[in-house]
């Protein structure tokens, strides 16, 4: 079984000591999806949502969330993030729900990875879309939050199946 690095010898939670780790370039990409009624997606695409530009607001919220992840997740290290970007793609598939696909990419040169920052960015972007449109569609569903890819560090490269 893999040793959990956030636990000490007694099983108590701790922040991982990364002081002996090499400083390397690290990247993480995460995704999420918020499904909604087609009429709700119309509000985004026509720019007629009552709270304003949904995608611009969600993009900024996701970037801000990546930068503040250490304030939300108790054992995350504060990082000097070099890049945080959020891409939002409205989707109307022939089969399946309408909605917005969110992709967040975070980069850092440091001693620990940025998976949590990318996951937080994708999650908060989805939550922001929900907040801005909940008056029109309370049935929206957030799903598929996951790490698509990460690189750098001792554990090397990871790419999710199907990514």
N, C-alpha and C. Protein backbone atom coordinates (compact mmCIF):
# COMPACT_ATOMS: atom_id res chain seq x y z
N UNK A 1 0.84 -1.18 0.00
CA UNK A 1 0.00 0.00 0.00
C UNK A 1 0.88 1.25 0.00
N UNK A 2 0.49 2.26 -0.74
CA UNK A 2 1.23 3.50 -0.81
C UNK A 2 1.11 4.25 0.50
N UNK A 3 2.25 4.79 0.95
CA UNK A 3 2.26 5.57 2.18
C UNK A 3 1.61 6.93 1.90
N UNK A 4 0.71 7.34 2.78
CA UNK A 4 0.05 8.64 2.63
C UNK A 4 0.97 9.71 3.21
N UNK A 5 1.38 10.64 2.35
CA UNK A 5 2.37 11.63 2.76
C UNK A 5 1.84 12.72 3.68
N UNK A 6 0.53 12.85 3.77
CA UNK A 6 -0.05 13.87 4.63
C UNK A 6 -0.30 13.36 6.05
N UNK A 7 0.21 12.16 6.35
CA UNK A 7 0.07 11.60 7.69
C UNK A 7 1.46 11.33 8.27
N UNK A 8 1.64 11.66 9.54
CA UNK A 8 2.92 11.35 10.18
C UNK A 8 2.89 9.91 10.70
N UNK A 9 3.95 9.53 11.43
CA UNK A 9 4.08 8.16 11.93
C UNK A 9 2.92 7.74 12.83
N UNK A 10 2.31 8.71 13.52
CA UNK A 10 1.20 8.43 14.43
C UNK A 10 -0.16 8.48 13.73
N UNK A 11 -0.17 8.87 12.46
CA UNK A 11 -1.43 8.98 11.73
C UNK A 11 -2.05 10.36 11.80
N UNK A 12 -1.33 11.33 12.36
CA UNK A 12 -1.83 12.70 12.44
C UNK A 12 -1.58 13.44 11.12
N UNK A 13 -2.51 14.31 10.76
CA UNK A 13 -2.37 15.11 9.55
C UNK A 13 -1.21 16.07 9.69
N UNK A 14 -0.49 16.28 8.57
CA UNK A 14 0.63 17.22 8.56
C UNK A 14 0.81 17.75 7.15
N UNK A 15 1.45 18.89 7.06
CA UNK A 15 1.82 19.43 5.76
C UNK A 15 3.11 18.71 5.35
N UNK A 16 3.18 18.26 4.12
CA UNK A 16 4.34 17.53 3.63
C UNK A 16 5.55 18.47 3.57
N UNK A 17 6.69 17.97 4.02
CA UNK A 17 7.94 18.72 3.94
C UNK A 17 8.51 18.55 2.55
N UNK A 18 8.52 19.62 1.76
CA UNK A 18 9.03 19.55 0.40
C UNK A 18 10.41 20.21 0.27
N UNK A 19 11.02 20.54 1.39
CA UNK A 19 12.28 21.29 1.35
C UNK A 19 13.42 20.55 0.66
N UNK A 20 13.41 19.23 0.65
CA UNK A 20 14.46 18.47 -0.01
C UNK A 20 14.12 18.10 -1.46
N UNK A 21 12.95 18.47 -1.92
CA UNK A 21 12.56 18.16 -3.29
C UNK A 21 13.23 19.14 -4.26
N UNK A 22 13.47 18.65 -5.46
CA UNK A 22 14.05 19.49 -6.50
C UNK A 22 13.02 20.49 -7.02
N UNK A 23 13.51 21.66 -7.37
CA UNK A 23 12.67 22.67 -8.01
C UNK A 23 12.58 22.30 -9.48
N UNK A 24 11.37 22.01 -9.95
CA UNK A 24 11.16 21.65 -11.35
C UNK A 24 9.93 22.36 -11.89
N UNK A 25 9.81 22.36 -13.19
CA UNK A 25 8.62 22.91 -13.84
C UNK A 25 7.50 21.88 -13.72
N UNK A 26 6.36 22.30 -13.24
CA UNK A 26 5.23 21.40 -13.01
C UNK A 26 3.96 22.00 -13.62
N UNK A 27 3.17 21.14 -14.22
CA UNK A 27 1.93 21.56 -14.87
C UNK A 27 0.83 20.58 -14.51
N UNK A 28 -0.38 21.09 -14.35
CA UNK A 28 -1.54 20.22 -14.16
C UNK A 28 -2.71 20.80 -14.97
N UNK A 29 -3.47 19.89 -15.56
CA UNK A 29 -4.68 20.26 -16.30
C UNK A 29 -5.83 19.48 -15.71
N UNK A 30 -6.91 20.18 -15.39
CA UNK A 30 -8.10 19.54 -14.83
C UNK A 30 -9.31 19.97 -15.65
N UNK A 31 -10.39 19.20 -15.52
CA UNK A 31 -11.61 19.52 -16.25
C UNK A 31 -12.83 19.32 -15.38
N UNK A 32 -13.92 19.88 -15.85
CA UNK A 32 -15.23 19.68 -15.24
C UNK A 32 -16.29 20.03 -16.26
N UNK A 33 -17.53 19.69 -15.95
CA UNK A 33 -18.63 19.98 -16.86
C UNK A 33 -19.84 20.40 -16.04
N UNK A 34 -20.51 21.43 -16.49
CA UNK A 34 -21.78 21.82 -15.86
C UNK A 34 -22.86 21.68 -16.92
N UNK A 35 -23.79 20.76 -16.66
CA UNK A 35 -24.90 20.53 -17.60
C UNK A 35 -26.06 21.43 -17.23
N UNK A 36 -26.85 21.76 -18.24
CA UNK A 36 -27.97 22.70 -18.06
C UNK A 36 -28.97 22.52 -19.18
N UNK A 37 -30.11 23.13 -18.99
CA UNK A 37 -31.13 23.15 -20.04
C UNK A 37 -30.60 23.94 -21.24
N UNK A 38 -30.98 23.55 -22.46
CA UNK A 38 -30.55 24.31 -23.63
C UNK A 38 -30.92 25.80 -23.55
N UNK A 39 -32.06 26.11 -22.96
CA UNK A 39 -32.47 27.51 -22.83
C UNK A 39 -31.54 28.29 -21.90
N UNK A 40 -30.95 27.59 -20.93
CA UNK A 40 -29.98 28.24 -20.04
C UNK A 40 -28.69 28.51 -20.79
N UNK A 41 -28.27 27.56 -21.60
CA UNK A 41 -27.08 27.77 -22.43
C UNK A 41 -27.30 28.93 -23.40
N UNK A 42 -28.53 29.10 -23.86
CA UNK A 42 -28.86 30.25 -24.71
C UNK A 42 -28.52 31.56 -24.03
N UNK A 43 -28.79 31.66 -22.73
CA UNK A 43 -28.48 32.89 -21.99
C UNK A 43 -26.99 33.21 -22.02
N UNK A 44 -26.17 32.17 -21.92
CA UNK A 44 -24.72 32.36 -21.99
C UNK A 44 -24.33 32.82 -23.39
N UNK A 45 -24.81 32.10 -24.38
CA UNK A 45 -24.37 32.36 -25.76
C UNK A 45 -24.89 33.67 -26.33
N UNK A 46 -26.03 34.14 -25.85
CA UNK A 46 -26.58 35.41 -26.34
C UNK A 46 -26.17 36.59 -25.46
N UNK A 47 -25.52 36.29 -24.33
CA UNK A 47 -25.10 37.37 -23.43
C UNK A 47 -26.25 38.03 -22.71
N UNK A 48 -27.35 37.30 -22.48
CA UNK A 48 -28.53 37.89 -21.87
C UNK A 48 -28.77 37.42 -20.43
N UNK A 49 -27.79 36.78 -19.82
CA UNK A 49 -27.94 36.39 -18.41
C UNK A 49 -28.04 37.64 -17.56
N UNK A 50 -28.95 37.64 -16.60
CA UNK A 50 -29.21 38.85 -15.81
C UNK A 50 -28.00 39.31 -15.00
N UNK A 51 -27.12 38.39 -14.61
CA UNK A 51 -25.96 38.78 -13.80
C UNK A 51 -24.76 39.20 -14.63
N UNK A 52 -24.87 39.15 -15.97
CA UNK A 52 -23.77 39.63 -16.80
C UNK A 52 -23.09 38.52 -17.59
N UNK A 53 -21.84 38.77 -17.96
CA UNK A 53 -21.05 37.86 -18.80
C UNK A 53 -20.63 36.64 -17.98
N UNK A 54 -21.34 35.55 -18.16
CA UNK A 54 -21.15 34.35 -17.36
C UNK A 54 -19.76 33.76 -17.58
N UNK A 55 -19.35 33.62 -18.81
CA UNK A 55 -18.07 32.96 -19.08
C UNK A 55 -16.88 33.80 -18.62
N UNK A 56 -16.92 35.10 -18.83
CA UNK A 56 -15.82 35.96 -18.37
C UNK A 56 -15.71 35.90 -16.84
N UNK A 57 -16.83 35.94 -16.17
CA UNK A 57 -16.82 35.89 -14.71
C UNK A 57 -16.31 34.55 -14.21
N UNK A 58 -16.74 33.46 -14.82
CA UNK A 58 -16.29 32.13 -14.42
C UNK A 58 -14.79 31.95 -14.68
N UNK A 59 -14.31 32.50 -15.77
CA UNK A 59 -12.88 32.41 -16.09
C UNK A 59 -12.05 33.11 -15.01
N UNK A 60 -12.42 34.31 -14.66
CA UNK A 60 -11.70 35.06 -13.62
C UNK A 60 -11.81 34.35 -12.27
N UNK A 61 -12.99 33.85 -11.94
CA UNK A 61 -13.17 33.13 -10.67
C UNK A 61 -12.27 31.90 -10.60
N UNK A 62 -12.16 31.16 -11.70
CA UNK A 62 -11.30 29.98 -11.72
C UNK A 62 -9.83 30.34 -11.53
N UNK A 63 -9.39 31.38 -12.19
CA UNK A 63 -7.99 31.83 -12.05
C UNK A 63 -7.73 32.28 -10.62
N UNK A 64 -8.64 33.05 -10.07
CA UNK A 64 -8.48 33.50 -8.67
C UNK A 64 -8.44 32.30 -7.72
N UNK A 65 -9.27 31.32 -7.97
CA UNK A 65 -9.33 30.14 -7.11
C UNK A 65 -8.01 29.37 -7.14
N UNK A 66 -7.41 29.23 -8.32
CA UNK A 66 -6.12 28.54 -8.42
C UNK A 66 -5.08 29.23 -7.54
N UNK A 67 -5.08 30.55 -7.55
CA UNK A 67 -4.10 31.31 -6.79
C UNK A 67 -4.33 31.24 -5.28
N UNK A 68 -5.54 30.89 -4.86
CA UNK A 68 -5.87 30.88 -3.43
C UNK A 68 -6.16 29.48 -2.89
N UNK A 69 -5.79 28.46 -3.63
CA UNK A 69 -6.09 27.09 -3.22
C UNK A 69 -5.56 26.79 -1.82
N UNK A 70 -4.37 27.27 -1.51
CA UNK A 70 -3.79 26.99 -0.19
C UNK A 70 -4.63 27.57 0.96
N UNK A 71 -5.49 28.53 0.66
CA UNK A 71 -6.37 29.09 1.69
C UNK A 71 -7.63 28.24 1.88
N UNK A 72 -7.92 27.37 0.93
CA UNK A 72 -9.13 26.56 0.96
C UNK A 72 -8.87 25.12 1.37
N UNK A 73 -7.76 24.56 0.92
CA UNK A 73 -7.41 23.16 1.19
C UNK A 73 -6.34 23.19 2.28
N UNK A 74 -6.64 22.69 3.47
CA UNK A 74 -5.78 22.91 4.64
C UNK A 74 -4.31 22.53 4.50
N UNK A 75 -3.96 21.48 3.79
CA UNK A 75 -2.57 21.03 3.78
C UNK A 75 -1.83 21.37 2.48
N UNK A 76 -2.43 22.22 1.63
CA UNK A 76 -1.76 22.65 0.41
C UNK A 76 -0.74 23.73 0.71
N UNK A 77 0.35 23.69 -0.03
CA UNK A 77 1.39 24.71 0.10
C UNK A 77 1.00 25.96 -0.69
N UNK A 78 1.32 27.14 -0.17
CA UNK A 78 1.14 28.35 -0.98
C UNK A 78 2.20 28.33 -2.09
N UNK A 79 1.78 28.60 -3.31
CA UNK A 79 2.68 28.51 -4.46
C UNK A 79 2.71 29.82 -5.24
N UNK A 80 3.86 30.10 -5.82
CA UNK A 80 4.01 31.26 -6.71
C UNK A 80 3.66 30.77 -8.12
N UNK A 81 2.39 30.78 -8.42
CA UNK A 81 1.89 30.24 -9.70
C UNK A 81 2.40 31.09 -10.86
N UNK A 82 2.94 30.42 -11.87
CA UNK A 82 3.46 31.10 -13.05
C UNK A 82 2.38 31.30 -14.11
N UNK A 83 1.42 30.36 -14.17
CA UNK A 83 0.33 30.45 -15.15
C UNK A 83 -0.91 29.81 -14.58
N UNK A 84 -2.03 30.44 -14.79
CA UNK A 84 -3.34 29.85 -14.49
C UNK A 84 -4.28 30.30 -15.59
N UNK A 85 -4.85 29.34 -16.31
CA UNK A 85 -5.79 29.68 -17.37
C UNK A 85 -7.01 28.77 -17.26
N UNK A 86 -8.14 29.32 -17.66
CA UNK A 86 -9.40 28.58 -17.65
C UNK A 86 -10.06 28.77 -19.01
N UNK A 87 -10.39 27.65 -19.64
CA UNK A 87 -11.07 27.66 -20.93
C UNK A 87 -12.48 27.13 -20.73
N UNK A 88 -13.45 27.83 -21.28
CA UNK A 88 -14.86 27.45 -21.13
C UNK A 88 -15.45 27.26 -22.52
N UNK A 89 -15.98 26.07 -22.76
CA UNK A 89 -16.50 25.73 -24.08
C UNK A 89 -17.97 25.31 -23.98
N UNK A 90 -18.88 26.17 -24.46
CA UNK A 90 -20.29 25.76 -24.50
C UNK A 90 -20.45 24.56 -25.43
N UNK A 91 -21.29 23.61 -25.02
CA UNK A 91 -21.49 22.40 -25.82
C UNK A 91 -22.97 22.08 -25.95
N UNK A 92 -23.35 21.71 -27.16
CA UNK A 92 -24.71 21.25 -27.48
C UNK A 92 -24.59 19.95 -28.26
N UNK A 93 -24.27 18.87 -27.60
CA UNK A 93 -24.10 17.62 -28.33
C UNK A 93 -25.43 17.09 -28.86
N UNK A 94 -25.32 16.28 -29.92
CA UNK A 94 -26.52 15.65 -30.48
C UNK A 94 -27.15 14.72 -29.46
N UNK A 95 -26.31 14.07 -28.66
CA UNK A 95 -26.79 13.20 -27.58
C UNK A 95 -26.13 13.68 -26.29
N UNK A 96 -26.86 13.66 -25.23
CA UNK A 96 -26.31 14.10 -23.95
C UNK A 96 -26.71 15.53 -23.65
N UNK A 97 -26.37 15.97 -22.45
CA UNK A 97 -26.84 17.28 -21.99
C UNK A 97 -26.06 18.45 -22.60
N UNK A 98 -26.74 19.56 -22.72
CA UNK A 98 -26.10 20.82 -23.08
C UNK A 98 -25.35 21.31 -21.84
N UNK A 99 -24.36 22.14 -22.05
CA UNK A 99 -23.63 22.68 -20.91
C UNK A 99 -22.34 23.34 -21.30
N UNK A 100 -21.47 23.50 -20.31
CA UNK A 100 -20.18 24.14 -20.52
C UNK A 100 -19.09 23.21 -20.01
N UNK A 101 -18.13 22.93 -20.89
CA UNK A 101 -16.95 22.14 -20.52
C UNK A 101 -15.88 23.11 -20.06
N UNK A 102 -15.31 22.85 -18.88
CA UNK A 102 -14.31 23.72 -18.28
C UNK A 102 -12.98 22.99 -18.24
N UNK A 103 -11.93 23.66 -18.70
CA UNK A 103 -10.57 23.14 -18.60
C UNK A 103 -9.71 24.18 -17.91
N UNK A 104 -8.96 23.75 -16.89
CA UNK A 104 -8.06 24.65 -16.17
C UNK A 104 -6.64 24.13 -16.27
N UNK A 105 -5.72 25.01 -16.56
CA UNK A 105 -4.30 24.65 -16.62
C UNK A 105 -3.53 25.55 -15.67
N UNK A 106 -2.68 24.93 -14.86
CA UNK A 106 -1.87 25.68 -13.90
C UNK A 106 -0.43 25.22 -14.02
N UNK A 107 0.50 26.20 -13.98
CA UNK A 107 1.93 25.91 -14.05
C UNK A 107 2.66 26.60 -12.91
N UNK A 108 3.73 25.96 -12.48
CA UNK A 108 4.58 26.51 -11.43
C UNK A 108 5.99 25.96 -11.61
N UNK A 109 6.97 26.69 -11.18
CA UNK A 109 8.31 26.17 -11.02
C UNK A 109 8.52 26.09 -9.52
N UNK A 110 8.55 24.87 -9.00
CA UNK A 110 8.61 24.74 -7.55
C UNK A 110 8.90 23.33 -7.11
N UNK A 111 8.63 23.08 -5.84
CA UNK A 111 8.95 21.81 -5.21
C UNK A 111 7.75 20.90 -4.99
N UNK A 112 6.58 21.36 -5.41
CA UNK A 112 5.38 20.53 -5.29
C UNK A 112 4.45 20.82 -6.46
N UNK A 113 3.58 19.87 -6.76
CA UNK A 113 2.72 19.95 -7.93
C UNK A 113 1.54 20.88 -7.77
N UNK A 114 0.80 21.05 -8.86
CA UNK A 114 -0.31 22.00 -8.91
C UNK A 114 -1.64 21.33 -9.28
N UNK A 115 -1.76 20.02 -8.98
CA UNK A 115 -3.01 19.34 -9.28
C UNK A 115 -4.19 19.95 -8.52
N UNK A 116 -3.98 20.25 -7.25
CA UNK A 116 -5.07 20.81 -6.44
C UNK A 116 -5.49 22.18 -6.95
N UNK A 117 -4.53 22.96 -7.42
CA UNK A 117 -4.84 24.28 -7.95
C UNK A 117 -5.67 24.18 -9.23
N UNK A 118 -5.32 23.22 -10.10
CA UNK A 118 -6.09 23.03 -11.33
C UNK A 118 -7.49 22.52 -11.03
N UNK A 119 -7.60 21.57 -10.10
CA UNK A 119 -8.92 21.04 -9.71
C UNK A 119 -9.78 22.13 -9.08
N UNK A 120 -9.17 22.97 -8.25
CA UNK A 120 -9.91 24.05 -7.60
C UNK A 120 -10.39 25.06 -8.64
N UNK A 121 -9.53 25.38 -9.60
CA UNK A 121 -9.91 26.33 -10.66
C UNK A 121 -11.10 25.81 -11.46
N UNK A 122 -11.05 24.55 -11.86
CA UNK A 122 -12.15 23.97 -12.64
C UNK A 122 -13.44 23.94 -11.82
N UNK A 123 -13.33 23.56 -10.55
CA UNK A 123 -14.51 23.48 -9.68
C UNK A 123 -15.15 24.84 -9.47
N UNK A 124 -14.34 25.84 -9.15
CA UNK A 124 -14.88 27.17 -8.87
C UNK A 124 -15.45 27.82 -10.14
N UNK A 125 -14.86 27.55 -11.28
CA UNK A 125 -15.44 28.06 -12.54
C UNK A 125 -16.84 27.48 -12.74
N UNK A 126 -16.98 26.17 -12.50
CA UNK A 126 -18.31 25.54 -12.61
C UNK A 126 -19.28 26.12 -11.58
N UNK A 127 -18.83 26.28 -10.35
CA UNK A 127 -19.69 26.84 -9.31
C UNK A 127 -20.13 28.27 -9.64
N UNK A 128 -19.24 29.03 -10.25
CA UNK A 128 -19.58 30.40 -10.64
C UNK A 128 -20.65 30.42 -11.72
N UNK A 129 -20.54 29.52 -12.68
CA UNK A 129 -21.58 29.42 -13.71
C UNK A 129 -22.91 29.09 -13.05
N UNK A 130 -22.90 28.12 -12.12
CA UNK A 130 -24.12 27.78 -11.41
C UNK A 130 -24.69 29.02 -10.70
N UNK A 131 -23.85 29.73 -9.98
CA UNK A 131 -24.30 30.90 -9.22
C UNK A 131 -24.93 31.95 -10.14
N UNK A 132 -24.32 32.17 -11.28
CA UNK A 132 -24.81 33.23 -12.17
C UNK A 132 -26.09 32.85 -12.89
N UNK A 133 -26.40 31.56 -12.97
CA UNK A 133 -27.56 31.11 -13.74
C UNK A 133 -28.61 30.38 -12.92
N UNK A 134 -28.41 30.27 -11.61
CA UNK A 134 -29.32 29.46 -10.79
C UNK A 134 -30.76 29.97 -10.81
N UNK A 135 -30.96 31.25 -11.01
CA UNK A 135 -32.33 31.78 -11.08
C UNK A 135 -33.07 31.25 -12.31
N UNK A 136 -32.31 30.92 -13.35
CA UNK A 136 -32.92 30.41 -14.58
C UNK A 136 -33.03 28.89 -14.59
N UNK A 137 -32.11 28.20 -13.85
CA UNK A 137 -32.05 26.74 -13.97
C UNK A 137 -31.43 26.15 -12.70
N UNK A 138 -32.25 25.79 -11.74
CA UNK A 138 -31.74 25.20 -10.51
C UNK A 138 -31.35 23.73 -10.68
N UNK A 139 -31.65 23.16 -11.83
CA UNK A 139 -31.35 21.75 -12.06
C UNK A 139 -29.98 21.51 -12.70
N UNK A 140 -29.15 22.54 -12.80
CA UNK A 140 -27.82 22.35 -13.37
C UNK A 140 -27.04 21.35 -12.52
N UNK A 141 -26.18 20.58 -13.17
CA UNK A 141 -25.39 19.56 -12.48
C UNK A 141 -23.92 19.71 -12.84
N UNK A 142 -23.08 19.71 -11.82
CA UNK A 142 -21.63 19.76 -12.01
C UNK A 142 -21.10 18.34 -11.91
N UNK A 143 -20.28 17.94 -12.88
CA UNK A 143 -19.77 16.57 -12.88
C UNK A 143 -18.40 16.52 -13.55
N UNK A 144 -17.78 15.36 -13.44
CA UNK A 144 -16.56 15.09 -14.19
C UNK A 144 -15.35 15.88 -13.77
N UNK A 145 -15.32 16.37 -12.53
CA UNK A 145 -14.14 17.10 -12.06
C UNK A 145 -13.02 16.07 -11.90
N UNK A 146 -11.92 16.27 -12.65
CA UNK A 146 -10.80 15.33 -12.55
C UNK A 146 -9.53 15.95 -13.12
N UNK A 147 -8.40 15.36 -12.73
CA UNK A 147 -7.12 15.74 -13.32
C UNK A 147 -7.00 15.01 -14.65
N UNK A 148 -6.77 15.76 -15.70
CA UNK A 148 -6.56 15.17 -17.02
C UNK A 148 -5.10 14.79 -17.23
N UNK A 149 -4.22 15.68 -16.75
CA UNK A 149 -2.80 15.48 -17.00
C UNK A 149 -1.99 16.26 -15.99
N UNK A 150 -0.84 15.70 -15.63
CA UNK A 150 0.13 16.41 -14.80
C UNK A 150 1.51 16.02 -15.23
N UNK A 151 2.43 16.95 -15.09
CA UNK A 151 3.82 16.66 -15.44
C UNK A 151 4.74 17.36 -14.46
N UNK A 152 5.95 16.84 -14.37
CA UNK A 152 6.97 17.40 -13.50
C UNK A 152 7.00 16.70 -12.15
N UNK A 153 8.11 16.86 -11.49
CA UNK A 153 8.25 16.27 -10.17
C UNK A 153 8.70 14.82 -10.21
N UNK A 154 8.89 14.27 -9.03
CA UNK A 154 9.41 12.91 -8.87
C UNK A 154 8.49 11.85 -9.47
N UNK A 155 7.18 12.05 -9.37
CA UNK A 155 6.26 11.02 -9.87
C UNK A 155 6.09 11.04 -11.38
N UNK A 156 6.65 12.04 -12.04
CA UNK A 156 6.65 12.06 -13.50
C UNK A 156 5.34 12.48 -14.13
N UNK A 157 5.11 11.96 -15.31
CA UNK A 157 3.96 12.36 -16.12
C UNK A 157 2.77 11.44 -15.87
N UNK A 158 1.59 12.05 -15.83
CA UNK A 158 0.33 11.30 -15.70
C UNK A 158 -0.64 11.86 -16.72
N UNK A 159 -1.34 10.97 -17.40
CA UNK A 159 -2.42 11.36 -18.32
C UNK A 159 -3.59 10.43 -18.03
N UNK A 160 -4.75 11.02 -17.76
CA UNK A 160 -5.95 10.23 -17.45
C UNK A 160 -6.38 9.42 -18.65
N UNK A 161 -6.94 8.27 -18.37
CA UNK A 161 -7.46 7.41 -19.43
C UNK A 161 -8.55 8.18 -20.18
N UNK A 162 -8.48 8.16 -21.49
CA UNK A 162 -9.48 8.83 -22.30
C UNK A 162 -9.24 10.32 -22.48
N UNK A 163 -8.18 10.85 -21.90
CA UNK A 163 -7.90 12.30 -22.00
C UNK A 163 -7.18 12.63 -23.29
